[in-house]
Protein backbone atom coordinates (compact mmCIF):
# COMPACT_ATOMS: atom_id res chain seq x y z
CA UNK A 1 83.07 109.56 74.70
CA UNK A 2 86.43 108.60 73.28
CA UNK A 3 88.00 112.02 74.69
CA UNK A 4 86.47 111.38 78.14
CA UNK A 5 88.18 107.59 78.18
CA UNK A 6 91.42 109.02 76.84
CA UNK A 7 91.36 111.96 79.61
CA UNK A 8 90.51 109.48 82.35
CA UNK A 9 93.15 107.11 81.24
CA UNK A 10 95.68 109.87 81.22
CA UNK A 11 94.58 110.97 84.79
CA UNK A 12 95.10 107.51 86.02
CA UNK A 13 99.00 107.71 85.35
CA UNK A 14 99.75 109.99 88.47
CA UNK A 15 97.70 107.74 90.59
CA UNK A 16 99.44 104.65 89.49
CA UNK A 17 102.86 106.35 89.99
CA UNK A 18 101.78 107.09 93.52
CA UNK A 19 100.75 103.40 94.10
CA UNK A 20 104.11 102.29 92.65
CA UNK A 21 106.17 104.75 94.67
CA UNK A 22 104.25 103.77 97.91
CA UNK A 23 104.60 99.95 97.33
CA UNK A 24 108.25 100.40 96.50
CA UNK A 25 108.86 102.31 99.77
CA UNK A 26 107.05 99.78 101.88
CA UNK A 27 108.74 96.89 100.58
CA UNK A 28 112.24 98.32 100.49
CA UNK A 29 112.56 100.56 103.40
CA UNK A 30 109.74 99.13 105.79
CA UNK A 31 109.74 95.43 104.74
CA UNK A 32 113.31 94.81 105.76
CA UNK A 33 116.03 93.01 103.71
CA UNK A 34 114.47 89.89 102.02
CA UNK A 35 117.97 88.33 101.67
CA UNK A 36 117.92 87.64 105.50
CA UNK A 37 114.51 86.20 105.23
CA UNK A 38 115.49 83.86 102.49
CA UNK A 39 118.95 82.90 103.70
CA UNK A 40 117.71 81.69 107.02
CA UNK A 41 119.13 81.89 110.50
CA UNK A 42 122.20 79.95 109.79
CA UNK A 43 123.33 81.94 106.84
CA UNK A 44 126.84 83.61 106.76
CA UNK A 45 127.49 87.09 105.37
CA UNK A 46 128.75 85.45 101.93
CA UNK A 47 125.50 83.83 101.28
CA UNK A 48 123.56 86.78 102.11
CA UNK A 49 125.48 88.96 99.64
CA UNK A 50 124.87 86.38 97.00
CA UNK A 51 121.27 86.34 97.76
CA UNK A 52 121.14 90.25 97.45
CA UNK A 53 123.02 90.08 94.17
CA UNK A 54 120.59 87.55 92.75
CA UNK A 55 117.57 89.50 93.85
CA UNK A 56 118.99 92.89 92.65
CA UNK A 57 118.53 94.51 96.07
CA UNK A 58 122.25 95.49 96.19
CA UNK A 59 121.51 97.94 93.47
CA UNK A 60 120.80 101.65 94.26
CA UNK A 61 117.28 102.52 95.06
CA UNK A 62 116.67 104.51 91.73
CA UNK A 63 117.86 101.38 89.76
CA UNK A 64 115.60 99.16 91.82
CA UNK A 65 112.85 101.55 91.23
CA UNK A 66 113.42 101.63 87.45
CA UNK A 67 113.52 97.82 87.56
CA UNK A 68 110.20 97.60 89.42
CA UNK A 69 108.49 100.09 86.69
CA UNK A 70 109.79 97.98 84.05
CA UNK A 71 108.34 94.87 85.68
CA UNK A 72 104.85 96.74 85.79
CA UNK A 73 105.07 97.82 82.26
CA UNK A 74 106.06 94.36 80.92
CA UNK A 75 103.87 92.46 83.46
CA UNK A 76 107.00 90.44 84.31
CA UNK A 77 107.70 90.56 88.16
CA UNK A 78 110.20 87.80 87.90
CA UNK A 79 109.91 84.47 89.85
CA UNK A 80 108.35 83.72 93.21
CA UNK A 81 110.96 83.58 95.83
CA UNK A 82 109.29 80.79 97.57
CA UNK A 83 108.45 78.37 94.54
CA UNK A 84 110.52 79.84 91.77
CA UNK A 85 107.45 79.91 89.66
CA UNK A 86 107.11 82.90 87.47
CA UNK A 87 104.84 85.42 89.14
CA UNK A 88 102.87 86.13 85.91
CA UNK A 89 101.99 82.34 85.78
CA UNK A 90 100.96 82.32 89.30
CA UNK A 91 98.35 85.21 88.82
CA UNK A 92 97.16 83.76 85.58
CA UNK A 93 96.53 80.34 87.17
CA UNK A 94 95.00 81.59 90.33
CA UNK A 95 92.73 84.08 88.69
CA UNK A 96 90.43 81.25 87.13
CA UNK A 97 89.48 79.64 90.52
CA UNK A 98 88.86 82.97 92.07
CA UNK A 99 86.46 84.09 89.25
CA UNK A 100 84.68 80.82 89.28
CA UNK A 101 83.56 81.54 92.83
CA UNK A 102 83.30 85.35 92.75
CA UNK A 103 81.26 85.82 89.55
CA UNK A 104 78.39 83.65 90.38
CA UNK A 105 78.49 85.07 93.98
CA UNK A 106 78.52 88.67 92.70
CA UNK A 107 75.67 87.92 90.19
CA UNK A 108 73.51 86.13 92.75
CA UNK A 109 74.23 88.73 95.49
CA UNK A 110 73.10 91.50 93.29
CA UNK A 111 69.99 90.03 91.94
CA UNK A 112 68.78 88.72 95.30
CA UNK A 113 69.77 92.08 96.98
CA UNK A 114 67.85 94.12 94.40
CA UNK A 115 64.84 92.02 94.32
CA UNK A 116 64.40 92.03 98.10
CA UNK A 117 65.16 95.67 98.40
CA UNK A 118 62.37 96.57 95.97
CA UNK A 119 60.13 94.01 97.79
CA UNK A 120 60.87 95.32 101.25
CA UNK A 121 60.64 98.99 100.12
CA UNK A 122 57.20 98.15 98.49
CA UNK A 123 55.97 97.28 102.15
CA UNK A 124 58.15 99.89 103.77
CA UNK A 125 57.15 100.64 107.53
CA UNK A 126 55.28 97.32 107.81
CA UNK A 127 55.95 94.60 110.28
CA UNK A 128 57.56 92.54 107.35
CA UNK A 129 59.98 95.35 106.65
CA UNK A 130 60.85 95.68 110.43
CA UNK A 131 61.42 91.94 110.81
CA UNK A 132 63.50 91.58 107.49
CA UNK A 133 65.90 94.48 108.97
CA UNK A 134 66.01 92.70 112.27
CA UNK A 135 67.04 89.48 110.43
CA UNK A 136 69.68 91.35 108.56
CA UNK A 137 71.14 92.88 111.59
CA UNK A 138 71.59 89.48 113.32
CA UNK A 139 72.98 88.03 110.22
CA UNK A 140 75.74 90.84 109.91
CA UNK A 141 76.67 90.28 113.51
CA UNK A 142 77.74 86.67 112.99
CA UNK A 143 81.44 86.28 111.81
CA UNK A 144 82.13 84.68 108.37
CA UNK A 145 84.27 82.03 110.36
CA UNK A 146 80.94 80.85 112.00
CA UNK A 147 79.10 80.61 108.69
CA UNK A 148 82.03 78.82 107.22
CA UNK A 149 82.30 76.28 109.99
CA UNK A 150 78.72 75.71 110.45
CA UNK A 151 78.00 75.24 106.78
CA UNK A 152 81.00 73.18 106.23
CA UNK A 153 80.30 70.81 109.18
CA UNK A 154 76.61 70.65 108.77
CA UNK A 155 75.97 70.71 104.94
CA UNK A 156 79.25 69.08 103.74
CA UNK A 157 80.36 66.85 106.49
CA UNK A 158 77.10 65.62 108.13
CA UNK A 159 74.63 65.73 105.22
CA UNK A 160 77.10 65.11 102.43
CA UNK A 161 75.33 67.51 100.12
CA UNK A 162 78.72 69.31 99.18
CA UNK A 163 82.52 68.22 99.11
CA UNK A 164 84.14 69.57 102.31
CA UNK A 165 87.06 70.96 100.14
CA UNK A 166 88.89 70.26 96.98
CA UNK A 167 89.28 71.63 93.44
CA UNK A 168 89.69 69.86 89.91
CA UNK A 169 91.01 70.59 86.51
CA UNK A 170 87.33 70.76 85.04
CA UNK A 171 85.48 73.89 84.84
CA UNK A 172 82.13 72.48 85.13
CA UNK A 173 82.76 70.35 88.02
CA UNK A 174 84.43 73.25 89.83
CA UNK A 175 81.48 75.48 89.12
CA UNK A 176 78.62 73.09 89.93
CA UNK A 177 80.29 71.05 92.65
CA UNK A 178 83.39 72.61 94.47
CA UNK A 179 82.34 76.24 94.24
CA UNK A 180 78.69 75.75 95.26
CA UNK A 181 79.14 75.72 99.04
CA UNK A 182 81.65 78.74 99.22
CA UNK A 183 78.92 80.49 96.96
CA UNK A 184 76.41 79.69 99.22
CA UNK A 185 78.41 80.83 102.33
CA UNK A 186 79.24 84.01 100.47
CA UNK A 187 75.50 84.73 99.98
CA UNK A 188 74.71 84.07 103.54
CA UNK A 189 77.28 86.68 104.75
CA UNK A 190 76.73 89.34 102.15
CA UNK A 191 73.21 89.36 101.29
CA UNK A 192 72.10 91.09 104.81
CA UNK A 193 74.42 94.17 104.32
CA UNK A 194 73.78 94.36 100.60
CA UNK A 195 70.00 94.22 101.20
CA UNK A 196 70.19 97.04 103.87
CA UNK A 197 72.25 99.24 101.37
CA UNK A 198 70.05 98.49 98.38
CA UNK A 199 66.98 99.22 100.43
CA UNK A 200 68.39 102.66 101.42
CA UNK A 201 69.06 103.40 97.67
CA UNK A 202 65.47 102.59 96.80
CA UNK A 203 63.86 104.52 99.57
CA UNK A 204 65.95 107.76 98.53
CA UNK A 205 64.31 107.37 95.23
CA UNK A 206 60.94 106.61 96.58
CA UNK A 207 60.51 110.20 97.72
CA UNK A 208 61.49 112.03 94.62
CA UNK A 209 59.05 114.27 92.67
CA UNK A 210 59.05 111.91 89.69
CA UNK A 211 57.70 109.13 91.75
CA UNK A 212 54.81 111.11 92.81
CA UNK A 213 54.29 112.15 89.43
CA UNK A 214 54.13 108.60 87.90
CA UNK A 215 51.56 107.70 90.86
CA UNK A 216 49.45 110.51 89.84
CA UNK A 217 49.45 109.41 86.28
CA UNK A 218 47.77 106.24 87.60
CA UNK A 219 50.56 103.89 87.11
CA UNK A 220 50.56 100.84 89.37
CA UNK A 221 52.80 100.65 92.52
CA UNK A 222 54.86 97.53 91.12
CA UNK A 223 55.57 99.48 87.80
CA UNK A 224 56.65 102.49 89.53
CA UNK A 225 59.16 100.45 91.88
CA UNK A 226 60.37 97.98 89.24
CA UNK A 227 60.85 100.50 86.41
CA UNK A 228 60.91 104.20 87.56
CA UNK A 229 62.77 103.59 90.97
CA UNK A 230 64.80 100.87 89.92
CA UNK A 231 66.35 102.89 86.87
CA UNK A 232 67.48 105.68 89.23
CA UNK A 233 68.41 103.37 92.12
CA UNK A 234 70.71 101.45 89.65
CA UNK A 235 73.24 104.15 89.58
CA UNK A 236 74.45 103.80 93.24
CA UNK A 237 73.87 100.07 93.06
CA UNK A 238 76.38 99.91 90.37
CA UNK A 239 78.87 102.09 91.97
CA UNK A 240 78.74 99.56 94.87
CA UNK A 241 79.02 96.30 92.79
CA UNK A 242 81.73 97.64 90.35
CA UNK A 243 83.77 99.35 93.26
CA UNK A 244 83.69 96.02 95.20
CA UNK A 245 84.76 93.71 92.49
CA UNK A 246 88.63 94.30 92.54
CA UNK A 247 88.61 93.89 96.54
CA UNK A 248 86.51 90.74 96.26
CA UNK A 249 89.59 88.84 94.70
CA UNK A 250 91.52 89.41 97.93
CA UNK A 251 88.52 89.55 100.28
CA UNK A 252 87.60 85.94 99.54
CA UNK A 253 90.85 84.65 101.14
CA UNK A 254 88.95 82.83 103.97
CA UNK A 255 86.56 80.81 101.60
CA UNK A 256 89.51 79.93 99.38
CA UNK A 257 91.69 78.88 102.45
CA UNK A 258 89.04 76.78 104.19
CA UNK A 259 87.81 75.07 100.94
CA UNK A 260 91.22 74.62 99.32
CA UNK A 261 90.43 76.82 96.25
CA UNK A 262 93.89 77.67 94.62
CA UNK A 263 92.57 81.27 93.97
CA UNK A 264 94.17 84.80 94.43
CA UNK A 265 93.20 85.24 97.86
CA UNK A 266 94.66 82.16 99.09
CA UNK A 267 97.94 82.92 97.13
CA UNK A 268 98.21 86.42 98.92
CA UNK A 269 97.98 84.46 102.24
CA UNK A 270 100.60 82.07 101.44
CA UNK A 271 102.83 84.86 99.98
CA UNK A 272 102.71 86.77 103.12
CA UNK A 273 103.39 83.67 105.18
CA UNK A 274 106.45 83.09 103.02
CA UNK A 275 107.51 86.66 102.65
CA UNK A 276 107.13 86.06 98.96
CA UNK A 277 107.49 89.92 98.10
CA UNK A 278 107.43 89.60 94.33
CA UNK A 279 103.90 87.90 94.47
CA UNK A 280 102.62 90.44 96.89
CA UNK A 281 104.08 93.43 95.09
CA UNK A 282 102.42 92.15 91.76
CA UNK A 283 98.97 91.40 93.25
CA UNK A 284 99.12 95.07 94.95
CA UNK A 285 99.82 96.63 91.74
CA UNK A 286 97.20 94.77 89.76
CA UNK A 287 94.48 95.31 92.24
CA UNK A 288 95.18 98.99 92.32
CA UNK A 289 95.17 99.07 88.50
CA UNK A 290 91.95 97.12 88.38
CA UNK A 291 90.20 99.48 90.81
CA UNK A 292 90.92 102.48 88.64
CA UNK A 293 89.70 100.66 85.53
CA UNK A 294 86.38 99.49 87.26
CA UNK A 295 85.81 103.11 88.40
CA UNK A 296 86.04 104.03 84.79
CA UNK A 297 83.74 101.34 83.81
CA UNK A 298 81.27 102.46 86.28
CA UNK A 299 81.03 105.93 84.91
CA UNK A 300 80.68 104.43 81.48
CA UNK A 301 77.84 102.18 82.75
CA UNK A 302 76.15 105.50 84.29
CA UNK A 303 75.93 106.92 80.76
CA UNK A 304 74.45 103.61 79.55
CA UNK A 305 71.90 103.46 82.14
CA UNK A 306 70.96 106.94 82.19
CA UNK A 307 71.88 109.02 79.14
CA UNK A 308 71.08 112.22 81.15
CA UNK A 309 74.26 111.68 82.97
CA UNK A 310 76.97 114.01 81.53
CA UNK A 311 80.57 112.66 81.67
CA UNK A 312 82.96 115.45 82.53
């Protein structure tokens, strides 16, 4: 196991190097000169030169690339161009609000999706199965913006069950009060595609030989579904959940923006609007690294769920 982990970490280095080079090229050759963006329309050549010198973009490209690599290794991307706040502090302070929404959302989405998938697969081919799939199709056809506006207006503004938006300094209040409606909206958006996907995973296992053997031994249908089928369907389910976790930090930017949640997704939008390259580069690199780490964790979870899986 240890040898496998070391080998996988070693294999991540070329991938990470490719990400670093790609990000560097995009921001230095495609993104334009940041000095002109920061200087404004009325700046003269002298002020632009001063800004370029302060940012270090007047250095040769190989020097700038080495500086970028050192920033990644030391986790120090300098200061934000827009607010002068250290980028590391921005990410550290924005990560908590994002996780406060995303962890409950991911847990509830997975539990509800698995339970409903097994229940629907249990009555597969019936009228109930077809109606549930029809509702899922309709739900997936509605934009997340429609859910946000409808829930925010109806449940928050009209009924007053939730705050329209806001965030506080207290974790319990944020979790139980301010993140409740965003999590509810996230579930309304994500449960339908998750249910359809998990149902397909379950149905792929239902037709396997081990299921027929279990039924032939006289095991009840509920035990077959909740024990034998679920254990094998858990492998693709884990893959889906784990691979989605890093992207969720960025993908929830609409929820964070509409509800005033100071998370990573909202910070990305602000950074793009301000052309705040240090923040964008840092988050891009961190998300790429997190994706590779979560892929490794997924493989290790495979082994934990099913010891028959051989890690190579």
